[in-house]
Amino acid sequence: VAISRVRRDESEQLAPEPGQSDFVPNEFATGVVIDAHGLILTNAHVLGGDEFAQSDFFVTTIDRKTYPAKVKAADPRGDLAVLEIAATDLSPIRLGSAKTLKKGQIVIALGNPYAIARDGQPSASWGIVANLARKMGPNTSESAGESRPTIHHFGTLIQTDAKLNLGTSGGALINLKGEMVGLTTSVAAIAGYEASAGYAIPVDDTFLRAVERLKQGREVEYGFLGVWPMDLTASAILQGAFGAQINSVVPGTPADRADL
């Protein structure tokens, strides 16, 4: 589905309005139907961060119907969010498993690049799985200092060379069986480079647990160990060390109780 975000202070001035053929939103993204009764999965960053409270959201389905949407729940740490619309006859996407993905496997990305799919008809691009368990790239936008790291900055993402243009965040990355194996989340554009790497959140046990919580309108919980880890030095790695070094332990946490 296509997602549009409109600031409330601009909504009264919109002409044409969302749902009309000539409407072109300033902010747009993609979503995936995960429940027949109007639940749409997308990325949390699509909600607009600080502008979320001043924004209205609209979802256009494949039958060209546009619905006002409300945010049911969001998880900024996992970059996932669920929107709800007043629909009862949607066709949820089939979920696969990213556990079976291999480098070089062909995948297809569905999205709303540059709002061209605002009529609900997703655009497709294809490519391969370039790598697995990759870290999200640094945010090079002007507001990068305000962004918070997610769990994906620690190396969870599928990297693909499928073309992911602006607006494809929250779209489905599917295998050749038509199963969603990832949710596209970002394009790592680094200053000075023309090409950028596309990433997707893998459909795995962590993803499914988070989505189930969000469908219920609940917060996604994460474990808290209570340590401040540090990367090993290059010399330690050359000497055969592996893992991570514990710099400090927070008192009263599970790590402290385990005598780390």
C-alpha atoms as a PDB file:
ATOM      1  CA  VAL A   1       0.000   0.000   0.000  1.00  0.00           C
ATOM      2  CA  ALA A   2       1.014   3.653  -0.390  1.00  0.00           C
ATOM      3  CA  ILE A   3       1.316   5.849   2.699  1.00  0.00           C
ATOM      4  CA  SER A   4       1.067   9.649   2.757  1.00  0.00           C
ATOM      5  CA  ARG A   5       1.875  11.909   5.713  1.00  0.00           C
ATOM      6  CA  VAL A   6       0.420  15.406   5.813  1.00  0.00           C
ATOM      7  CA  ARG A   7       1.076  18.088   8.422  1.00  0.00           C
ATOM      8  CA  ARG A   8      -2.163  19.282   9.995  1.00  0.00           C
ATOM      9  CA  ASP A   9      -1.266  22.942   9.479  1.00  0.00           C
ATOM     10  CA  GLU A  10      -1.106  22.203   5.734  1.00  0.00           C
ATOM     11  CA  SER A  11      -4.078  19.818   5.398  1.00  0.00           C
ATOM     12  CA  GLU A  12      -6.689  22.560   5.064  1.00  0.00           C
ATOM     13  CA  GLN A  13      -4.740  24.077   2.175  1.00  0.00           C
ATOM     14  CA  LEU A  14      -4.460  20.840   0.201  1.00  0.00           C
ATOM     15  CA  ALA A  15      -5.957  20.895  -3.254  1.00  0.00           C
ATOM     16  CA  PRO A  16      -6.402  18.267  -4.513  1.00  0.00           C
ATOM     17  CA  GLU A  17      -7.011  16.186  -1.386  1.00  0.00           C
ATOM     18  CA  PRO A  18      -5.538  12.778  -0.502  1.00  0.00           C
ATOM     19  CA  GLY A  19      -7.142  10.092  -2.630  1.00  0.00           C
ATOM     20  CA  GLN A  20      -7.617  12.294  -5.665  1.00  0.00           C
ATOM     21  CA  SER A  21      -5.589  11.384  -8.741  1.00  0.00           C
ATOM     22  CA  ASP A  22      -3.648  14.662  -8.830  1.00  0.00           C
ATOM     23  CA  PHE A  23      -2.673  14.619  -5.149  1.00  0.00           C
ATOM     24  CA  VAL A  24       1.098  14.503  -4.632  1.00  0.00           C
ATOM     25  CA  PRO A  25       2.130  14.342  -0.954  1.00  0.00           C
ATOM     26  CA  ASN A  26       5.247  16.016   0.380  1.00  0.00           C
ATOM     27  CA  GLU A  27       5.950  13.017   2.639  1.00  0.00           C
ATOM     28  CA  PHE A  28       5.322   9.499   1.416  1.00  0.00           C
ATOM     29  CA  ALA A  29       6.308   5.902   2.055  1.00  0.00           C
ATOM     30  CA  THR A  30       5.159   2.311   1.639  1.00  0.00           C
ATOM     31  CA  GLY A  31       3.322  -0.184   3.824  1.00  0.00           C
ATOM     32  CA  VAL A  32       2.402  -3.856   3.887  1.00  0.00           C
ATOM     33  CA  VAL A  33      -0.990  -5.367   4.774  1.00  0.00           C
ATOM     34  CA  ILE A  34      -0.520  -7.778   7.692  1.00  0.00           C
ATOM     35  CA  ASP A  35      -4.140  -8.292   8.752  1.00  0.00           C
ATOM     36  CA  ALA A  36      -7.392  -8.442   6.789  1.00  0.00           C
ATOM     37  CA  HIS A  37      -8.992  -6.064   9.283  1.00  0.00           C
ATOM     38  CA  GLY A  38      -6.992  -2.987   8.367  1.00  0.00           C
ATOM     39  CA  LEU A  39      -3.545  -3.355   9.936  1.00  0.00           C
ATOM     40  CA  ILE A  40      -0.638  -1.971   7.911  1.00  0.00           C
ATOM     41  CA  LEU A  41       3.030  -2.518   8.746  1.00  0.00           C
ATOM     42  CA  THR A  42       5.643   0.105   7.898  1.00  0.00           C
ATOM     43  CA  ASN A  43       8.805   1.674   9.331  1.00  0.00           C
ATOM     44  CA  ALA A  44       8.684   3.754  12.495  1.00  0.00           C
ATOM     45  CA  HIS A  45      10.759   6.503  10.878  1.00  0.00           C
ATOM     46  CA  VAL A  46       7.942   6.964   8.348  1.00  0.00           C
ATOM     47  CA  LEU A  47       5.869   8.521  11.161  1.00  0.00           C
ATOM     48  CA  GLY A  48       8.049  11.606  11.082  1.00  0.00           C
ATOM     49  CA  GLY A  49       9.701  11.659  14.496  1.00  0.00           C
ATOM     50  CA  ASP A  50       9.007  14.985  16.198  1.00  0.00           C
ATOM     51  CA  GLU A  51       6.374  15.871  13.565  1.00  0.00           C
ATOM     52  CA  PHE A  52       4.292  12.779  14.351  1.00  0.00           C
ATOM     53  CA  ALA A  53       1.870  14.571  16.704  1.00  0.00           C
ATOM     54  CA  GLN A  54       1.172  17.272  14.101  1.00  0.00           C
ATOM     55  CA  SER A  55       0.626  14.860  11.196  1.00  0.00           C
ATOM     56  CA  ASP A  56      -2.262  13.028   9.574  1.00  0.00           C
ATOM     57  CA  PHE A  57      -1.712   9.731   7.786  1.00  0.00           C
ATOM     58  CA  PHE A  58      -3.459   8.260   4.752  1.00  0.00           C
ATOM     59  CA  VAL A  59      -3.222   4.780   3.244  1.00  0.00           C
ATOM     60  CA  THR A  60      -4.150   3.944  -0.351  1.00  0.00           C
ATOM     61  CA  THR A  61      -4.779   0.268  -1.065  1.00  0.00           C
ATOM     62  CA  ILE A  62      -4.335  -1.632  -4.317  1.00  0.00           C
ATOM     63  CA  ASP A  63      -8.022  -1.090  -5.222  1.00  0.00           C
ATOM     64  CA  ARG A  64      -7.336   2.679  -5.212  1.00  0.00           C
ATOM     65  CA  LYS A  65      -9.275   3.386  -2.020  1.00  0.00           C
ATOM     66  CA  THR A  66      -7.745   5.964   0.339  1.00  0.00           C
ATOM     67  CA  TYR A  67      -8.346   5.668   4.085  1.00  0.00           C
ATOM     68  CA  PRO A  68      -7.405   7.941   6.986  1.00  0.00           C
ATOM     69  CA  ALA A  69      -5.030   5.970   9.193  1.00  0.00           C
ATOM     70  CA  LYS A  70      -4.188   6.083  12.864  1.00  0.00           C
ATOM     71  CA  VAL A  71      -1.035   4.799  14.511  1.00  0.00           C
ATOM     72  CA  LYS A  72      -1.811   1.679  16.533  1.00  0.00           C
ATOM     73  CA  ALA A  73       1.716   1.182  17.897  1.00  0.00           C
ATOM     74  CA  ALA A  74       5.336   1.899  17.036  1.00  0.00           C
ATOM     75  CA  ASP A  75       8.757   0.585  17.973  1.00  0.00           C
ATOM     76  CA  PRO A  76      11.512   3.126  17.165  1.00  0.00           C
ATOM     77  CA  ARG A  77      14.209   0.739  18.428  1.00  0.00           C
ATOM     78  CA  GLY A  78      13.247  -1.832  15.801  1.00  0.00           C
ATOM     79  CA  ASP A  79      12.064   0.775  13.253  1.00  0.00           C
ATOM     80  CA  LEU A  80       8.629  -0.835  12.972  1.00  0.00           C
ATOM     81  CA  ALA A  81       5.142   0.649  13.214  1.00  0.00           C
ATOM     82  CA  VAL A  82       1.572  -0.515  12.646  1.00  0.00           C
ATOM     83  CA  LEU A  83      -1.138   1.736  11.201  1.00  0.00           C
ATOM     84  CA  GLU A  84      -4.857   0.957  11.347  1.00  0.00           C
ATOM     85  CA  ILE A  85      -7.476   1.791   8.733  1.00  0.00           C
ATOM     86  CA  ALA A  86     -11.230   1.145   8.548  1.00  0.00           C
ATOM     87  CA  ALA A  87     -11.075  -1.814   6.169  1.00  0.00           C
ATOM     88  CA  THR A  88     -12.169  -5.406   6.751  1.00  0.00           C
ATOM     89  CA  ASP A  89     -11.501  -7.206   3.460  1.00  0.00           C
ATOM     90  CA  LEU A  90      -7.778  -6.755   2.835  1.00  0.00           C
ATOM     91  CA  SER A  91      -5.454  -9.533   1.702  1.00  0.00           C
ATOM     92  CA  PRO A  92      -2.471  -9.890   4.061  1.00  0.00           C
ATOM     93  CA  ILE A  93       0.925 -10.608   2.565  1.00  0.00           C
ATOM     94  CA  ARG A  94       2.373 -14.091   2.986  1.00  0.00           C
ATOM     95  CA  LEU A  95       5.333 -14.133   5.332  1.00  0.00           C
ATOM     96  CA  GLY A  96       8.389 -16.230   4.582  1.00  0.00           C
ATOM     97  CA  SER A  97      11.601 -16.583   6.552  1.00  0.00           C
ATOM     98  CA  ALA A  98      14.867 -14.717   6.177  1.00  0.00           C
ATOM     99  CA  LYS A  99      16.670 -17.633   7.833  1.00  0.00           C
ATOM    100  CA  THR A 100      16.890 -19.438   4.507  1.00  0.00           C
ATOM    101  CA  LEU A 101      18.239 -16.457   2.527  1.00  0.00           C
ATOM    102  CA  LYS A 102      21.625 -16.787   0.890  1.00  0.00           C
ATOM    103  CA  LYS A 103      23.920 -14.335  -0.864  1.00  0.00           C
ATOM    104  CA  GLY A 104      23.076 -14.078  -4.536  1.00  0.00           C
ATOM    105  CA  GLN A 105      19.443 -15.091  -4.107  1.00  0.00           C
ATOM    106  CA  ILE A 106      17.042 -13.089  -6.298  1.00  0.00           C
ATOM    107  CA  VAL A 107      14.590 -10.844  -4.459  1.00  0.00           C
ATOM    108  CA  ILE A 108      11.952  -8.306  -5.499  1.00  0.00           C
ATOM    109  CA  ALA A 109      11.266  -5.005  -3.712  1.00  0.00           C
ATOM    110  CA  LEU A 110       7.777  -3.450  -3.788  1.00  0.00           C
ATOM    111  CA  GLY A 111       7.400   0.219  -2.984  1.00  0.00           C
ATOM    112  CA  ASN A 112       6.140   3.717  -3.621  1.00  0.00           C
ATOM    113  CA  PRO A 113       9.208   5.449  -5.137  1.00  0.00           C
ATOM    114  CA  TYR A 114       8.850   9.226  -5.344  1.00  0.00           C
ATOM    115  CA  ALA A 115       5.104   8.776  -4.575  1.00  0.00           C
ATOM    116  CA  ILE A 116       4.508   7.333  -8.044  1.00  0.00           C
ATOM    117  CA  ALA A 117       2.513   4.459  -6.520  1.00  0.00           C
ATOM    118  CA  ARG A 118       0.173   6.766  -4.604  1.00  0.00           C
ATOM    119  CA  ASP A 119      -2.747   5.099  -6.417  1.00  0.00           C
ATOM    120  CA  GLY A 120      -2.004   1.979  -4.391  1.00  0.00           C
ATOM    121  CA  GLN A 121      -0.338   0.133  -7.271  1.00  0.00           C
ATOM    122  CA  PRO A 122       3.166  -0.722  -5.973  1.00  0.00           C
ATOM    123  CA  SER A 123       6.220  -0.447  -8.191  1.00  0.00           C
ATOM    124  CA  ALA A 124       8.652  -3.355  -8.325  1.00  0.00           C
ATOM    125  CA  SER A 125      12.416  -3.557  -8.622  1.00  0.00           C
ATOM    126  CA  TRP A 126      14.574  -6.652  -8.533  1.00  0.00           C
ATOM    127  CA  GLY A 127      18.053  -7.576  -7.448  1.00  0.00           C
ATOM    128  CA  ILE A 128      19.932 -10.036  -5.321  1.00  0.00           C
ATOM    129  CA  VAL A 129      20.715 -10.495  -1.667  1.00  0.00           C
ATOM    130  CA  ALA A 130      24.084  -8.751  -1.491  1.00  0.00           C
ATOM    131  CA  ASN A 131      24.859  -9.710   2.093  1.00  0.00           C
ATOM    132  CA  LEU A 132      23.317 -10.660   5.424  1.00  0.00           C
ATOM    133  CA  ALA A 133      23.616  -9.442   9.030  1.00  0.00           C
ATOM    134  CA  ARG A 134      24.779  -5.991   7.946  1.00  0.00           C
ATOM    135  CA  LYS A 135      24.867  -2.842  10.062  1.00  0.00           C
ATOM    136  CA  MET A 136      22.690   0.107   9.166  1.00  0.00           C
ATOM    137  CA  GLY A 137      24.776   2.878   7.664  1.00  0.00           C
ATOM    138  CA  PRO A 138      25.284   6.268   9.339  1.00  0.00           C
ATOM    139  CA  ASN A 139      22.621   8.916   8.927  1.00  0.00           C
ATOM    140  CA  THR A 140      24.156  11.692   6.839  1.00  0.00           C
ATOM    141  CA  SER A 141      21.167  14.039   6.861  1.00  0.00           C
ATOM    142  CA  GLU A 142      21.206  17.432   8.567  1.00  0.00           C
ATOM    143  CA  SER A 143      19.216  15.996  11.464  1.00  0.00           C
ATOM    144  CA  ALA A 144      21.580  13.075  11.975  1.00  0.00           C
ATOM    145  CA  GLY A 145      22.577  14.368  15.382  1.00  0.00           C
ATOM    146  CA  GLU A 146      18.977  14.024  16.538  1.00  0.00           C
ATOM    147  CA  SER A 147      18.542  10.423  15.367  1.00  0.00           C
ATOM    148  CA  ARG A 148      18.848   7.540  17.796  1.00  0.00           C
ATOM    149  CA  PRO A 149      20.488   4.209  17.026  1.00  0.00           C
ATOM    150  CA  THR A 150      18.275   1.204  16.476  1.00  0.00           C
ATOM    151  CA  ILE A 151      18.971  -2.483  16.991  1.00  0.00           C
ATOM    152  CA  HIS A 152      19.849  -2.571  13.301  1.00  0.00           C
ATOM    153  CA  HIS A 153      22.990  -0.504  13.891  1.00  0.00           C
ATOM    154  CA  PHE A 154      24.422  -3.637  15.515  1.00  0.00           C
ATOM    155  CA  GLY A 155      24.183  -5.802  12.401  1.00  0.00           C
ATOM    156  CA  THR A 156      20.806  -7.375  11.649  1.00  0.00           C
ATOM    157  CA  LEU A 157      19.895  -6.223   8.150  1.00  0.00           C
ATOM    158  CA  ILE A 158      19.587  -7.813   4.719  1.00  0.00           C
ATOM    159  CA  GLN A 159      21.613  -5.866   2.153  1.00  0.00           C
ATOM    160  CA  THR A 160      20.220  -5.868  -1.372  1.00  0.00           C
ATOM    161  CA  ASP A 161      21.140  -4.224  -4.647  1.00  0.00           C
ATOM    162  CA  ALA A 162      17.455  -3.951  -5.617  1.00  0.00           C
ATOM    163  CA  LYS A 163      16.709  -0.319  -6.417  1.00  0.00           C
ATOM    164  CA  LEU A 164      15.269   1.390  -3.336  1.00  0.00           C
ATOM    165  CA  ASN A 165      14.412   4.976  -4.182  1.00  0.00           C
ATOM    166  CA  LEU A 166      12.937   7.617  -1.875  1.00  0.00           C
ATOM    167  CA  GLY A 167       9.516   6.436  -0.676  1.00  0.00           C
ATOM    168  CA  THR A 168      10.205   2.698  -0.628  1.00  0.00           C
ATOM    169  CA  SER A 169      10.726   2.586   3.147  1.00  0.00           C
ATOM    170  CA  GLY A 170       8.237   0.140   4.649  1.00  0.00           C
ATOM    171  CA  GLY A 171       7.854  -1.914   1.483  1.00  0.00           C
ATOM    172  CA  ALA A 172       8.047  -5.663   1.124  1.00  0.00           C
ATOM    173  CA  LEU A 173      11.171  -7.511   0.035  1.00  0.00           C
ATOM    174  CA  ILE A 174       9.858 -10.769  -1.362  1.00  0.00           C
ATOM    175  CA  ASN A 175      11.336 -14.015  -2.668  1.00  0.00           C
ATOM    176  CA  LEU A 176      10.335 -15.721  -5.892  1.00  0.00           C
ATOM    177  CA  LYS A 177       7.582 -17.600  -4.027  1.00  0.00           C
ATOM    178  CA  GLY A 178       5.840 -14.295  -3.290  1.00  0.00           C
ATOM    179  CA  GLU A 179       6.677 -14.462   0.424  1.00  0.00           C
ATOM    180  CA  MET A 180       7.891 -11.413   2.318  1.00  0.00           C
ATOM    181  CA  VAL A 181      11.364 -12.088   3.691  1.00  0.00           C
ATOM    182  CA  GLY A 182      12.221  -8.502   4.620  1.00  0.00           C
ATOM    183  CA  LEU A 183      10.808  -5.004   5.175  1.00  0.00           C
ATOM    184  CA  THR A 184      12.844  -2.347   3.373  1.00  0.00           C
ATOM    185  CA  THR A 185      14.051   0.248   5.816  1.00  0.00           C
ATOM    186  CA  SER A 186      16.781   2.555   4.557  1.00  0.00           C
ATOM    187  CA  VAL A 187      19.202   3.589   1.872  1.00  0.00           C
ATOM    188  CA  ALA A 188      22.752   4.152   3.078  1.00  0.00           C
ATOM    189  CA  ALA A 189      23.720   7.196   1.037  1.00  0.00           C
ATOM    190  CA  ILE A 190      27.201   8.446   1.927  1.00  0.00           C
ATOM    191  CA  ALA A 191      28.443  11.817   0.728  1.00  0.00           C
ATOM    192  CA  GLY A 192      30.722  11.501  -2.286  1.00  0.00           C
ATOM    193  CA  TYR A 193      29.298   8.206  -3.531  1.00  0.00           C
ATOM    194  CA  GLU A 194      26.754   7.858  -6.332  1.00  0.00           C
ATOM    195  CA  ALA A 195      25.594   4.329  -5.507  1.00  0.00           C
ATOM    196  CA  SER A 196      23.877   3.490  -2.253  1.00  0.00           C
ATOM    197  CA  ALA A 197      23.155   0.245  -0.439  1.00  0.00           C
ATOM    198  CA  GLY A 198      19.587  -0.813   0.239  1.00  0.00           C
ATOM    199  CA  TYR A 199      18.643  -2.593   3.452  1.00  0.00           C
ATOM    200  CA  ALA A 200      15.686  -4.575   4.759  1.00  0.00           C
ATOM    201  CA  ILE A 201      14.689  -5.794   8.207  1.00  0.00           C
ATOM    202  CA  PRO A 202      14.703  -9.609   8.060  1.00  0.00           C
ATOM    203  CA  VAL A 203      11.535 -11.582   8.747  1.00  0.00           C
ATOM    204  CA  ASP A 204      12.793 -13.717  11.629  1.00  0.00           C
ATOM    205  CA  ASP A 205      11.719 -14.638  15.157  1.00  0.00           C
ATOM    206  CA  THR A 206      12.587 -11.181  16.525  1.00  0.00           C
ATOM    207  CA  PHE A 207      10.626  -9.490  13.731  1.00  0.00           C
ATOM    208  CA  LEU A 208       7.561 -11.717  14.194  1.00  0.00           C
ATOM    209  CA  ARG A 209       7.545 -11.178  17.967  1.00  0.00           C
ATOM    210  CA  ALA A 210       7.735  -7.412  17.508  1.00  0.00           C
ATOM    211  CA  VAL A 211       4.989  -7.333  14.877  1.00  0.00           C
ATOM    212  CA  GLU A 212       2.681  -9.429  17.051  1.00  0.00           C
ATOM    213  CA  ARG A 213       3.117  -6.997  19.955  1.00  0.00           C
ATOM    214  CA  LEU A 214       2.485  -3.999  17.708  1.00  0.00           C
ATOM    215  CA  LYS A 215      -0.677  -5.589  16.262  1.00  0.00           C
ATOM    216  CA  GLN A 216      -1.982  -5.736  19.824  1.00  0.00           C
ATOM    217  CA  GLY A 217      -1.126  -2.069  20.388  1.00  0.00           C
ATOM    218  CA  ARG A 218       1.548  -2.992  22.945  1.00  0.00           C
ATOM    219  CA  GLU A 219       5.136  -1.912  23.488  1.00  0.00           C
ATOM    220  CA  VAL A 220       7.879  -4.146  22.130  1.00  0.00           C
ATOM    221  CA  GLU A 221      10.117  -5.243  24.987  1.00  0.00           C
ATOM    222  CA  TYR A 222      13.834  -5.910  24.723  1.00  0.00           C
ATOM    223  CA  GLY A 223      16.187  -7.676  27.087  1.00  0.00           C
ATOM    224  CA  PHE A 224      18.568  -5.582  29.195  1.00  0.00           C
ATOM    225  CA  LEU A 225      21.901  -7.158  30.071  1.00  0.00           C
ATOM    226  CA  GLY A 226      23.494  -4.240  31.891  1.00  0.00           C
ATOM    227  CA  VAL A 227      26.984  -4.033  30.409  1.00  0.00           C
ATOM    228  CA  TRP A 228      28.880  -1.421  28.447  1.00  0.00           C
ATOM    229  CA  PRO A 229      30.673  -3.414  25.729  1.00  0.00           C
ATOM    230  CA  MET A 230      33.645  -2.305  23.668  1.00  0.00           C
ATOM    231  CA  ASP A 231      35.014  -3.640  20.399  1.00  0.00           C
ATOM    232  CA  LEU A 232      38.207  -5.623  20.610  1.00  0.00           C
ATOM    233  CA  THR A 233      41.362  -3.869  19.514  1.00  0.00           C
ATOM    234  CA  ALA A 234      42.977  -4.849  16.221  1.00  0.00           C
ATOM    235  CA  SER A 235      45.981  -6.299  18.048  1.00  0.00           C
ATOM    236  CA  ALA A 236      43.725  -8.470  20.261  1.00  0.00           C
ATOM    237  CA  ILE A 237      41.950  -9.839  17.195  1.00  0.00           C
ATOM    238  CA  LEU A 238      45.285 -10.659  15.564  1.00  0.00           C
ATOM    239  CA  GLN A 239      46.224 -12.586  18.704  1.00  0.00           C
ATOM    240  CA  GLY A 240      43.139 -14.768  18.302  1.00  0.00           C
ATOM    241  CA  ALA A 241      40.683 -13.061  20.649  1.00  0.00           C
ATOM    242  CA  PHE A 242      37.023 -12.906  19.646  1.00  0.00           C
ATOM    243  CA  GLY A 243      33.762 -11.530  21.030  1.00  0.00           C
ATOM    244  CA  ALA A 244      33.439  -8.227  22.856  1.00  0.00           C
ATOM    245  CA  GLN A 245      35.203  -6.684  25.821  1.00  0.00           C
ATOM    246  CA  ILE A 246      33.175  -5.590  28.848  1.00  0.00           C
ATOM    247  CA  ASN A 247      34.138  -2.065  29.788  1.00  0.00           C
ATOM    248  CA  SER A 248      31.831  -1.773  32.796  1.00  0.00           C
ATOM    249  CA  VAL A 249      28.842  -3.423  34.491  1.00  0.00           C
ATOM    250  CA  VAL A 250      25.790  -1.518  35.749  1.00  0.00           C
ATOM    251  CA  PRO A 251      25.047  -2.368  39.397  1.00  0.00           C
ATOM    252  CA  GLY A 252      21.852  -4.277  40.091  1.00  0.00           C
ATOM    253  CA  THR A 253      21.420  -5.563  36.527  1.00  0.00           C
ATOM    254  CA  PRO A 254      21.323  -9.185  35.314  1.00  0.00           C
ATOM    255  CA  ALA A 255      24.989  -8.869  34.308  1.00  0.00           C
ATOM    256  CA  ASP A 256      25.886  -7.769  37.817  1.00  0.00           C
ATOM    257  CA  ARG A 257      23.895 -10.640  39.385  1.00  0.00           C
ATOM    258  CA  ALA A 258      25.711 -13.076  37.071  1.00  0.00           C
ATOM    259  CA  ASP A 259      29.078 -11.743  38.331  1.00  0.00           C
ATOM    260  CA  LEU A 260      30.284 -10.488  34.974  1.00  0.00           C
END
